[in-house]
Amino acid sequence: MTDTIVLLHGGATGSSSWNPVACALVSSGASVVAPDMLGYGASPPPTGSYGIPEEVAHLTRLLGLQPHSCNGIIYAVGFGGTFHLVTHSLGSLIGLHLRRALGARVRRMTLVDPVVVSVLRECGENDAYAEMEEQYQRFMSLSTDHEAAAHFFVDHWSGAGAWAAMGPRGRAMVASLVPTLRLEMSATRSDMAPLAWLAESPPPTTILVGERTLLAPRAAARLLGTALEATTIVVRGAAHMIPITHPAAVVDAVQRAVVARNRSKGEREYLTRPPCRSARRLVESRGGRC
């Protein structure tokens, strides 16, 4: 793998959610970057007028390039090598915009349980869009109580009981991110990027979707899979948080990306056999930790 692998996290997680995946890929010889988006880790907080272009500009700088704006669209200037974007959840929306900014520097993409509200709205996926809208309205109604909003958010995406299982430190961390989540959710809800623009001249792409995931990422994966002519892999037994619950499946998909180039586009398969032995050993030997 010669491209730098860029791991883009979802909401309320941060770059550390990629630790098991990153460790396995680095151990296999890959060059890996796992940036924190605005409001996470050591990255600065988003501005009050936060939008997707602000996030794309932030990530472009972290990748050693200079962001420029033309009619509100970010494009990158400089020599930053080539990239394989690996994205999860909200990070998939950001990643699709970042791919347009980076242009041909992005040689391939792996989208993990993508959440792209604009595509659901544009394509008339009414039930999936309603699921996202209900989540948005409920979260916003609770957002003055950070703990209540965080509790709802975690259980929505990770399943009932996930909040209680986190422990006090994890719960405090997610609660502290509620102001950032408000801005992220408002920005994604107002995003109007057409599917055709997001999918224009795509690089080879793989999409992973959880067998037990929610309606919205399932519908987004189906729509993006067609538009991007992607190979779609259904991860058996997984729900939405695949990088955390099934990291070996992500490692396996990334390591197989070179082979996927030669497959017929639009192929759909189930990950019915165990991931490649090296990926599984690297993840399991660490108990899911670095």
C-alpha atoms as a PDB file:
ATOM      1  CA  MET A   1       0.000   0.000   0.000  1.00  0.00           C
ATOM      2  CA  THR A   2       1.711   3.199  -1.203  1.00  0.00           C
ATOM      3  CA  ASP A   3      -1.078   5.697  -0.570  1.00  0.00           C
ATOM      4  CA  THR A   4      -1.268   7.310   2.853  1.00  0.00           C
ATOM      5  CA  ILE A   5      -4.347   5.907   4.591  1.00  0.00           C
ATOM      6  CA  VAL A   6      -6.407   8.681   6.171  1.00  0.00           C
ATOM      7  CA  LEU A   7      -8.870   7.504   8.853  1.00  0.00           C
ATOM      8  CA  LEU A   8     -11.773   9.931   9.366  1.00  0.00           C
ATOM      9  CA  HIS A   9     -13.842   9.352  12.498  1.00  0.00           C
ATOM     10  CA  GLY A  10     -17.560   9.809  13.076  1.00  0.00           C
ATOM     11  CA  GLY A  11     -19.424  11.963  15.583  1.00  0.00           C
ATOM     12  CA  ALA A  12     -18.724  11.715  19.327  1.00  0.00           C
ATOM     13  CA  THR A  13     -15.725   9.421  18.889  1.00  0.00           C
ATOM     14  CA  GLY A  14     -12.467  11.043  17.763  1.00  0.00           C
ATOM     15  CA  SER A  15      -9.347   9.609  16.177  1.00  0.00           C
ATOM     16  CA  SER A  16      -8.852   7.111  19.014  1.00  0.00           C
ATOM     17  CA  SER A  17     -11.857   5.137  17.725  1.00  0.00           C
ATOM     18  CA  TRP A  18      -9.538   3.980  14.936  1.00  0.00           C
ATOM     19  CA  ASN A  19      -6.787   2.688  17.254  1.00  0.00           C
ATOM     20  CA  PRO A  20      -7.249  -1.060  16.588  1.00  0.00           C
ATOM     21  CA  VAL A  21      -7.526  -0.451  12.833  1.00  0.00           C
ATOM     22  CA  ALA A  22      -4.576   1.958  12.748  1.00  0.00           C
ATOM     23  CA  CYS A  23      -2.333  -0.355  14.761  1.00  0.00           C
ATOM     24  CA  ALA A  24      -2.998  -3.308  12.475  1.00  0.00           C
ATOM     25  CA  LEU A  25      -2.432  -1.277   9.305  1.00  0.00           C
ATOM     26  CA  VAL A  26       0.797   0.282  10.607  1.00  0.00           C
ATOM     27  CA  SER A  27       2.037  -3.165  11.631  1.00  0.00           C
ATOM     28  CA  SER A  28       1.466  -4.349   8.078  1.00  0.00           C
ATOM     29  CA  GLY A  29       3.675  -1.526   6.751  1.00  0.00           C
ATOM     30  CA  ALA A  30       1.075   1.071   5.785  1.00  0.00           C
ATOM     31  CA  SER A  31       1.437   4.818   6.243  1.00  0.00           C
ATOM     32  CA  VAL A  32      -1.539   5.909   8.361  1.00  0.00           C
ATOM     33  CA  VAL A  33      -2.907   9.282   9.513  1.00  0.00           C
ATOM     34  CA  ALA A  34      -5.885   9.514  11.897  1.00  0.00           C
ATOM     35  CA  PRO A  35      -6.707  13.223  12.282  1.00  0.00           C
ATOM     36  CA  ASP A  36      -9.051  14.700  14.848  1.00  0.00           C
ATOM     37  CA  MET A  37     -11.800  16.778  13.318  1.00  0.00           C
ATOM     38  CA  LEU A  38     -12.623  20.197  14.723  1.00  0.00           C
ATOM     39  CA  GLY A  39     -13.642  20.013  18.369  1.00  0.00           C
ATOM     40  CA  TYR A  40     -11.929  16.668  18.996  1.00  0.00           C
ATOM     41  CA  GLY A  41      -8.597  15.835  20.611  1.00  0.00           C
ATOM     42  CA  ALA A  42      -5.960  18.507  20.081  1.00  0.00           C
ATOM     43  CA  SER A  43      -7.830  20.142  17.178  1.00  0.00           C
ATOM     44  CA  PRO A  44      -9.325  23.601  17.750  1.00  0.00           C
ATOM     45  CA  PRO A  45     -13.064  23.964  18.329  1.00  0.00           C
ATOM     46  CA  PRO A  46     -15.311  24.734  15.387  1.00  0.00           C
ATOM     47  CA  THR A  47     -16.573  28.272  14.960  1.00  0.00           C
ATOM     48  CA  GLY A  48     -20.165  29.184  15.714  1.00  0.00           C
ATOM     49  CA  SER A  49     -20.825  29.365  11.966  1.00  0.00           C
ATOM     50  CA  TYR A  50     -19.376  25.893  11.418  1.00  0.00           C
ATOM     51  CA  GLY A  51     -20.015  24.253   8.083  1.00  0.00           C
ATOM     52  CA  ILE A  52     -18.542  21.430   6.032  1.00  0.00           C
ATOM     53  CA  PRO A  53     -16.105  23.736   4.145  1.00  0.00           C
ATOM     54  CA  GLU A  54     -14.549  24.714   7.499  1.00  0.00           C
ATOM     55  CA  GLU A  55     -13.965  21.049   8.325  1.00  0.00           C
ATOM     56  CA  VAL A  56     -12.573  20.266   4.883  1.00  0.00           C
ATOM     57  CA  ALA A  57     -10.157  23.207   5.134  1.00  0.00           C
ATOM     58  CA  HIS A  58      -9.015  21.994   8.569  1.00  0.00           C
ATOM     59  CA  LEU A  59      -8.348  18.465   7.314  1.00  0.00           C
ATOM     60  CA  THR A  60      -6.622  19.751   4.179  1.00  0.00           C
ATOM     61  CA  ARG A  61      -4.139  21.642   6.349  1.00  0.00           C
ATOM     62  CA  LEU A  62      -3.541  18.594   8.529  1.00  0.00           C
ATOM     63  CA  LEU A  63      -2.636  16.663   5.374  1.00  0.00           C
ATOM     64  CA  GLY A  64       0.033  19.233   4.541  1.00  0.00           C
ATOM     65  CA  LEU A  65      -1.888  21.047   1.817  1.00  0.00           C
ATOM     66  CA  GLN A  66      -3.218  24.584   1.516  1.00  0.00           C
ATOM     67  CA  PRO A  67      -7.012  25.035   1.259  1.00  0.00           C
ATOM     68  CA  HIS A  68      -8.439  27.608  -1.128  1.00  0.00           C
ATOM     69  CA  SER A  69     -12.099  28.507  -1.652  1.00  0.00           C
ATOM     70  CA  CYS A  70     -13.988  29.084  -4.881  1.00  0.00           C
ATOM     71  CA  ASN A  71     -17.711  29.860  -4.599  1.00  0.00           C
ATOM     72  CA  GLY A  72     -17.784  28.190  -1.196  1.00  0.00           C
ATOM     73  CA  ILE A  73     -16.106  24.998  -2.437  1.00  0.00           C
ATOM     74  CA  ILE A  74     -12.725  24.075  -0.948  1.00  0.00           C
ATOM     75  CA  TYR A  75      -9.915  22.861  -3.182  1.00  0.00           C
ATOM     76  CA  ALA A  76      -6.391  21.918  -2.152  1.00  0.00           C
ATOM     77  CA  VAL A  77      -3.100  23.327  -3.418  1.00  0.00           C
ATOM     78  CA  GLY A  78       0.312  21.754  -2.821  1.00  0.00           C
ATOM     79  CA  PHE A  79       2.125  18.441  -2.994  1.00  0.00           C
ATOM     80  CA  GLY A  80       0.806  16.090  -0.352  1.00  0.00           C
ATOM     81  CA  GLY A  81       1.193  12.682  -1.951  1.00  0.00           C
ATOM     82  CA  THR A  82      -1.749  10.368  -2.609  1.00  0.00           C
ATOM     83  CA  PHE A  83      -4.397   9.141  -0.212  1.00  0.00           C
ATOM     84  CA  HIS A  84      -6.753   6.304   0.591  1.00  0.00           C
ATOM     85  CA  LEU A  85      -9.655   7.837   2.542  1.00  0.00           C
ATOM     86  CA  VAL A  86     -11.215   5.473   5.101  1.00  0.00           C
ATOM     87  CA  THR A  87     -14.262   7.040   6.702  1.00  0.00           C
ATOM     88  CA  HIS A  88     -16.935   6.159   9.246  1.00  0.00           C
ATOM     89  CA  SER A  89     -20.463   7.507   9.751  1.00  0.00           C
ATOM     90  CA  LEU A  90     -20.445  11.340   9.645  1.00  0.00           C
ATOM     91  CA  GLY A  91     -16.817  11.083   8.551  1.00  0.00           C
ATOM     92  CA  SER A  92     -18.064   9.644   5.251  1.00  0.00           C
ATOM     93  CA  LEU A  93     -19.911  12.857   4.407  1.00  0.00           C
ATOM     94  CA  ILE A  94     -16.836  14.888   5.327  1.00  0.00           C
ATOM     95  CA  GLY A  95     -14.665  12.430   3.415  1.00  0.00           C
ATOM     96  CA  LEU A  96     -16.740  12.744   0.236  1.00  0.00           C
ATOM     97  CA  HIS A  97     -16.357  16.535   0.362  1.00  0.00           C
ATOM     98  CA  LEU A  98     -12.647  16.184   1.172  1.00  0.00           C
ATOM     99  CA  ARG A  99     -12.249  13.861  -1.818  1.00  0.00           C
ATOM    100  CA  ARG A 100     -13.553  16.609  -4.093  1.00  0.00           C
ATOM    101  CA  ALA A 101     -11.115  19.084  -2.527  1.00  0.00           C
ATOM    102  CA  LEU A 102      -8.125  16.771  -2.917  1.00  0.00           C
ATOM    103  CA  GLY A 103      -9.042  15.693  -6.432  1.00  0.00           C
ATOM    104  CA  ALA A 104      -6.871  13.045  -8.073  1.00  0.00           C
ATOM    105  CA  ARG A 105      -4.704  12.817  -4.932  1.00  0.00           C
ATOM    106  CA  VAL A 106      -7.381  10.441  -3.579  1.00  0.00           C
ATOM    107  CA  ARG A 107      -6.610   7.103  -5.181  1.00  0.00           C
ATOM    108  CA  ARG A 108      -9.296   5.068  -3.394  1.00  0.00           C
ATOM    109  CA  MET A 109     -11.964   5.250  -0.698  1.00  0.00           C
ATOM    110  CA  THR A 110     -13.408   2.915   1.914  1.00  0.00           C
ATOM    111  CA  LEU A 111     -16.681   4.155   3.437  1.00  0.00           C
ATOM    112  CA  VAL A 112     -17.790   2.435   6.649  1.00  0.00           C
ATOM    113  CA  ASP A 113     -21.526   2.631   7.461  1.00  0.00           C
ATOM    114  CA  PRO A 114     -21.820   6.049   5.799  1.00  0.00           C
ATOM    115  CA  VAL A 115     -24.285   8.689   6.994  1.00  0.00           C
ATOM    116  CA  VAL A 116     -25.066  11.253   4.280  1.00  0.00           C
ATOM    117  CA  VAL A 117     -28.342  13.072   4.940  1.00  0.00           C
ATOM    118  CA  SER A 118     -28.369  15.082   1.701  1.00  0.00           C
ATOM    119  CA  VAL A 119     -28.389  11.913  -0.392  1.00  0.00           C
ATOM    120  CA  LEU A 120     -31.340  10.484   1.533  1.00  0.00           C
ATOM    121  CA  ARG A 121     -33.325  13.678   1.036  1.00  0.00           C
ATOM    122  CA  GLU A 122     -32.444  14.070  -2.647  1.00  0.00           C
ATOM    123  CA  CYS A 123     -33.238  10.476  -3.558  1.00  0.00           C
ATOM    124  CA  GLY A 124     -36.584  10.286  -1.748  1.00  0.00           C
ATOM    125  CA  GLU A 125     -35.495   7.793   0.908  1.00  0.00           C
ATOM    126  CA  ASN A 126     -38.305   9.024   3.115  1.00  0.00           C
ATOM    127  CA  ASP A 127     -38.120   6.463   5.907  1.00  0.00           C
ATOM    128  CA  ALA A 128     -34.349   6.753   6.246  1.00  0.00           C
ATOM    129  CA  TYR A 129     -34.508  10.550   6.123  1.00  0.00           C
ATOM    130  CA  ALA A 130     -37.280  10.546   8.732  1.00  0.00           C
ATOM    131  CA  GLU A 131     -35.069   8.420  11.003  1.00  0.00           C
ATOM    132  CA  MET A 132     -32.302  11.036  10.772  1.00  0.00           C
ATOM    133  CA  GLU A 133     -34.718  13.928  11.228  1.00  0.00           C
ATOM    134  CA  GLU A 134     -36.281  12.345  14.311  1.00  0.00           C
ATOM    135  CA  GLN A 135     -32.813  11.796  15.765  1.00  0.00           C
ATOM    136  CA  TYR A 136     -31.899  15.433  15.049  1.00  0.00           C
ATOM    137  CA  GLN A 137     -35.046  16.865  16.629  1.00  0.00           C
ATOM    138  CA  ARG A 138     -34.768  14.686  19.728  1.00  0.00           C
ATOM    139  CA  PHE A 139     -31.086  15.471  20.226  1.00  0.00           C
ATOM    140  CA  MET A 140     -31.633  19.208  19.815  1.00  0.00           C
ATOM    141  CA  SER A 141     -34.522  19.158  22.284  1.00  0.00           C
ATOM    142  CA  LEU A 142     -32.210  17.566  24.867  1.00  0.00           C
ATOM    143  CA  SER A 143     -29.028  19.476  24.048  1.00  0.00           C
ATOM    144  CA  THR A 144     -29.213  21.977  26.914  1.00  0.00           C
ATOM    145  CA  ASP A 145     -28.778  18.962  29.200  1.00  0.00           C
ATOM    146  CA  HIS A 146     -25.472  17.616  27.914  1.00  0.00           C
ATOM    147  CA  GLU A 147     -25.678  14.302  29.718  1.00  0.00           C
ATOM    148  CA  ALA A 148     -29.218  13.577  28.520  1.00  0.00           C
ATOM    149  CA  ALA A 149     -28.347  14.498  24.922  1.00  0.00           C
ATOM    150  CA  ALA A 150     -25.184  12.377  24.996  1.00  0.00           C
ATOM    151  CA  HIS A 151     -27.107   9.444  26.489  1.00  0.00           C
ATOM    152  CA  PHE A 152     -29.654   9.595  23.696  1.00  0.00           C
ATOM    153  CA  PHE A 153     -26.989   9.961  20.982  1.00  0.00           C
ATOM    154  CA  VAL A 154     -24.913   6.996  22.149  1.00  0.00           C
ATOM    155  CA  ASP A 155     -27.873   4.651  22.577  1.00  0.00           C
ATOM    156  CA  HIS A 156     -29.282   5.686  19.196  1.00  0.00           C
ATOM    157  CA  TRP A 157     -26.125   4.797  17.280  1.00  0.00           C
ATOM    158  CA  SER A 158     -24.710   2.013  19.462  1.00  0.00           C
ATOM    159  CA  GLY A 159     -27.876   0.394  20.796  1.00  0.00           C
ATOM    160  CA  ALA A 160     -29.815   0.491  24.047  1.00  0.00           C
ATOM    161  CA  GLY A 161     -27.543   0.062  27.051  1.00  0.00           C
ATOM    162  CA  ALA A 162     -24.402   1.329  25.308  1.00  0.00           C
ATOM    163  CA  TRP A 163     -24.388   4.521  27.392  1.00  0.00           C
ATOM    164  CA  ALA A 164     -24.535   2.623  30.670  1.00  0.00           C
ATOM    165  CA  ALA A 165     -21.738   0.313  29.528  1.00  0.00           C
ATOM    166  CA  MET A 166     -19.337   3.165  28.785  1.00  0.00           C
ATOM    167  CA  GLY A 167     -18.355   3.984  32.354  1.00  0.00           C
ATOM    168  CA  PRO A 168     -18.140   7.473  33.883  1.00  0.00           C
ATOM    169  CA  ARG A 169     -15.041   8.614  31.983  1.00  0.00           C
ATOM    170  CA  GLY A 170     -16.472   7.731  28.577  1.00  0.00           C
ATOM    171  CA  ARG A 171     -19.829   9.278  29.406  1.00  0.00           C
ATOM    172  CA  ALA A 172     -18.158  12.508  30.525  1.00  0.00           C
ATOM    173  CA  MET A 173     -16.165  12.663  27.292  1.00  0.00           C
ATOM    174  CA  VAL A 174     -19.238  12.303  25.071  1.00  0.00           C
ATOM    175  CA  ALA A 175     -21.215  14.799  27.158  1.00  0.00           C
ATOM    176  CA  SER A 176     -18.427  17.338  26.675  1.00  0.00           C
ATOM    177  CA  LEU A 177     -18.808  16.941  22.901  1.00  0.00           C
ATOM    178  CA  VAL A 178     -22.497  17.880  22.793  1.00  0.00           C
ATOM    179  CA  PRO A 179     -21.811  21.500  21.656  1.00  0.00           C
ATOM    180  CA  THR A 180     -19.669  20.139  18.797  1.00  0.00           C
ATOM    181  CA  LEU A 181     -22.312  17.551  17.929  1.00  0.00           C
ATOM    182  CA  ARG A 182     -24.940  20.304  17.701  1.00  0.00           C
ATOM    183  CA  LEU A 183     -22.856  22.117  15.109  1.00  0.00           C
ATOM    184  CA  GLU A 184     -22.044  18.919  13.201  1.00  0.00           C
ATOM    185  CA  MET A 185     -25.650  17.797  13.055  1.00  0.00           C
ATOM    186  CA  SER A 186     -26.858  21.225  11.909  1.00  0.00           C
ATOM    187  CA  ALA A 187     -24.173  21.337   9.201  1.00  0.00           C
ATOM    188  CA  THR A 188     -24.966  17.859   7.885  1.00  0.00           C
ATOM    189  CA  ARG A 189     -28.698  18.554   7.949  1.00  0.00           C
ATOM    190  CA  SER A 190     -28.246  21.742   5.891  1.00  0.00           C
ATOM    191  CA  ASP A 191     -25.781  20.220   3.416  1.00  0.00           C
ATOM    192  CA  MET A 192     -27.243  20.265  -0.103  1.00  0.00           C
ATOM    193  CA  ALA A 193     -24.456  18.608  -2.073  1.00  0.00           C
ATOM    194  CA  PRO A 194     -26.020  16.557  -4.914  1.00  0.00           C
ATOM    195  CA  LEU A 195     -25.221  12.868  -5.155  1.00  0.00           C
ATOM    196  CA  ALA A 196     -23.915  13.371  -8.702  1.00  0.00           C
ATOM    197  CA  TRP A 197     -21.370  15.926  -7.442  1.00  0.00           C
ATOM    198  CA  LEU A 198     -20.255  13.771  -4.526  1.00  0.00           C
ATOM    199  CA  ALA A 199     -19.810  10.789  -6.844  1.00  0.00           C
ATOM    200  CA  GLU A 200     -18.294  12.494  -9.877  1.00  0.00           C
ATOM    201  CA  SER A 201     -15.263  10.635 -11.299  1.00  0.00           C
ATOM    202  CA  PRO A 202     -14.905   8.394  -8.249  1.00  0.00           C
ATOM    203  CA  PRO A 203     -11.787   6.436  -7.375  1.00  0.00           C
ATOM    204  CA  PRO A 204     -12.140   2.699  -6.684  1.00  0.00           C
ATOM    205  CA  THR A 205     -14.371   2.492  -3.629  1.00  0.00           C
ATOM    206  CA  THR A 206     -15.391  -0.114  -1.073  1.00  0.00           C
ATOM    207  CA  ILE A 207     -18.380   0.341   1.229  1.00  0.00           C
ATOM    208  CA  LEU A 208     -18.792  -1.599   4.468  1.00  0.00           C
ATOM    209  CA  VAL A 209     -22.266  -1.715   5.988  1.00  0.00           C
ATOM    210  CA  GLY A 210     -23.320  -3.414   9.202  1.00  0.00           C
ATOM    211  CA  GLU A 211     -25.762  -6.274   8.884  1.00  0.00           C
ATOM    212  CA  ARG A 212     -27.695  -4.876  11.885  1.00  0.00           C
ATOM    213  CA  THR A 213     -27.175  -1.170  11.263  1.00  0.00           C
ATOM    214  CA  LEU A 214     -29.844   1.541  11.216  1.00  0.00           C
ATOM    215  CA  LEU A 215     -32.029   2.370   8.224  1.00  0.00           C
ATOM    216  CA  ALA A 216     -30.241   5.627   7.320  1.00  0.00           C
ATOM    217  CA  PRO A 217     -26.707   4.260   6.822  1.00  0.00           C
ATOM    218  CA  ARG A 218     -28.131   1.192   5.085  1.00  0.00           C
ATOM    219  CA  ALA A 219     -29.952   3.401   2.561  1.00  0.00           C
ATOM    220  CA  ALA A 220     -26.965   5.741   2.166  1.00  0.00           C
ATOM    221  CA  ALA A 221     -24.679   2.770   1.508  1.00  0.00           C
ATOM    222  CA  ARG A 222     -27.029   1.463  -1.182  1.00  0.00           C
ATOM    223  CA  LEU A 223     -27.316   4.839  -2.955  1.00  0.00           C
ATOM    224  CA  LEU A 224     -23.611   5.608  -2.722  1.00  0.00           C
ATOM    225  CA  GLY A 225     -22.737   2.090  -3.794  1.00  0.00           C
ATOM    226  CA  THR A 226     -24.557   2.571  -7.080  1.00  0.00           C
ATOM    227  CA  ALA A 227     -23.348   6.125  -7.709  1.00  0.00           C
ATOM    228  CA  LEU A 228     -19.712   5.347  -6.865  1.00  0.00           C
ATOM    229  CA  GLU A 229     -19.779   1.949  -8.610  1.00  0.00           C
ATOM    230  CA  ALA A 230     -18.469   0.580  -5.331  1.00  0.00           C
ATOM    231  CA  THR A 231     -17.927  -2.896  -3.994  1.00  0.00           C
ATOM    232  CA  THR A 232     -20.242  -3.265  -0.995  1.00  0.00           C
ATOM    233  CA  ILE A 233     -19.442  -5.616   1.876  1.00  0.00           C
ATOM    234  CA  VAL A 234     -22.060  -6.474   4.486  1.00  0.00           C
ATOM    235  CA  VAL A 235     -20.275  -7.118   7.794  1.00  0.00           C
ATOM    236  CA  ARG A 236     -22.003 -10.021   9.505  1.00  0.00           C
ATOM    237  CA  GLY A 237     -23.292  -9.333  13.007  1.00  0.00           C
ATOM    238  CA  ALA A 238     -22.196  -5.675  12.960  1.00  0.00           C
ATOM    239  CA  ALA A 239     -24.324  -2.650  13.728  1.00  0.00           C
ATOM    240  CA  HIS A 240     -23.159   0.936  13.167  1.00  0.00           C
ATOM    241  CA  MET A 241     -19.892   1.174  15.131  1.00  0.00           C
ATOM    242  CA  ILE A 242     -17.890  -1.159  12.904  1.00  0.00           C
ATOM    243  CA  PRO A 243     -14.412   0.350  13.500  1.00  0.00           C
ATOM    244  CA  ILE A 244     -14.828  -0.338  17.223  1.00  0.00           C
ATOM    245  CA  THR A 245     -16.794  -3.604  17.204  1.00  0.00           C
ATOM    246  CA  HIS A 246     -15.379  -5.236  14.046  1.00  0.00           C
ATOM    247  CA  PRO A 247     -11.985  -3.605  13.369  1.00  0.00           C
ATOM    248  CA  ALA A 248     -10.588  -6.661  11.606  1.00  0.00           C
ATOM    249  CA  ALA A 249     -13.301  -6.330   8.948  1.00  0.00           C
ATOM    250  CA  VAL A 250     -12.130  -2.790   8.213  1.00  0.00           C
ATOM    251  CA  VAL A 251      -8.461  -3.823   8.115  1.00  0.00           C
ATOM    252  CA  ASP A 252      -9.292  -6.683   5.799  1.00  0.00           C
ATOM    253  CA  ALA A 253     -11.264  -4.439   3.423  1.00  0.00           C
ATOM    254  CA  VAL A 254      -8.474  -1.873   3.270  1.00  0.00           C
ATOM    255  CA  GLN A 255      -5.807  -4.508   2.684  1.00  0.00           C
ATOM    256  CA  ARG A 256      -7.909  -6.081  -0.062  1.00  0.00           C
ATOM    257  CA  ALA A 257      -8.491  -2.721  -1.776  1.00  0.00           C
ATOM    258  CA  VAL A 258      -5.796  -3.335  -4.380  1.00  0.00           C
ATOM    259  CA  VAL A 259      -7.432  -6.629  -5.324  1.00  0.00           C
ATOM    260  CA  ALA A 260     -10.860  -4.943  -5.381  1.00  0.00           C
ATOM    261  CA  ARG A 261      -9.712  -2.776  -8.298  1.00  0.00           C
ATOM    262  CA  ASN A 262      -9.832  -5.839 -10.521  1.00  0.00           C
ATOM    263  CA  ARG A 263     -13.282  -6.933  -9.450  1.00  0.00           C
ATOM    264  CA  SER A 264     -16.318  -6.061 -11.513  1.00  0.00           C
ATOM    265  CA  LYS A 265     -17.662  -2.744 -10.253  1.00  0.00           C
ATOM    266  CA  GLY A 266     -20.871  -2.746  -8.275  1.00  0.00           C
ATOM    267  CA  GLU A 267     -20.184  -6.216  -6.930  1.00  0.00           C
ATOM    268  CA  ARG A 268     -21.916  -7.012  -3.643  1.00  0.00           C
ATOM    269  CA  GLU A 269     -20.611  -9.666  -1.311  1.00  0.00           C
ATOM    270  CA  TYR A 270     -20.984 -10.866   2.237  1.00  0.00           C
ATOM    271  CA  LEU A 271     -17.955 -11.082   4.478  1.00  0.00           C
ATOM    272  CA  THR A 272     -18.750 -14.678   5.254  1.00  0.00           C
ATOM    273  CA  ARG A 273     -15.242 -15.951   5.825  1.00  0.00           C
ATOM    274  CA  PRO A 274     -12.936 -14.661   8.564  1.00  0.00           C
ATOM    275  CA  PRO A 275     -10.805 -11.628   7.630  1.00  0.00           C
ATOM    276  CA  CYS A 276      -7.344 -12.365   6.333  1.00  0.00           C
ATOM    277  CA  ARG A 277      -5.276 -14.077   8.994  1.00  0.00           C
ATOM    278  CA  SER A 278      -2.705 -11.305   9.362  1.00  0.00           C
ATOM    279  CA  ALA A 279      -5.379  -8.664   9.996  1.00  0.00           C
ATOM    280  CA  ARG A 280      -7.237 -10.855  12.452  1.00  0.00           C
ATOM    281  CA  ARG A 281      -4.086 -11.765  14.377  1.00  0.00           C
ATOM    282  CA  LEU A 282      -2.923  -8.145  14.592  1.00  0.00           C
ATOM    283  CA  VAL A 283      -6.229  -6.977  16.011  1.00  0.00           C
ATOM    284  CA  GLU A 284      -6.925  -9.923  18.299  1.00  0.00           C
ATOM    285  CA  SER A 285      -3.384 -10.046  19.691  1.00  0.00           C
ATOM    286  CA  ARG A 286      -3.930  -6.572  21.079  1.00  0.00           C
ATOM    287  CA  GLY A 287      -7.396  -7.253  22.392  1.00  0.00           C
ATOM    288  CA  GLY A 288      -8.577  -4.397  20.173  1.00  0.00           C
ATOM    289  CA  ARG A 289      -5.916  -2.018  21.576  1.00  0.00           C
ATOM    290  CA  CYS A 290      -2.581  -0.610  20.481  1.00  0.00           C
END
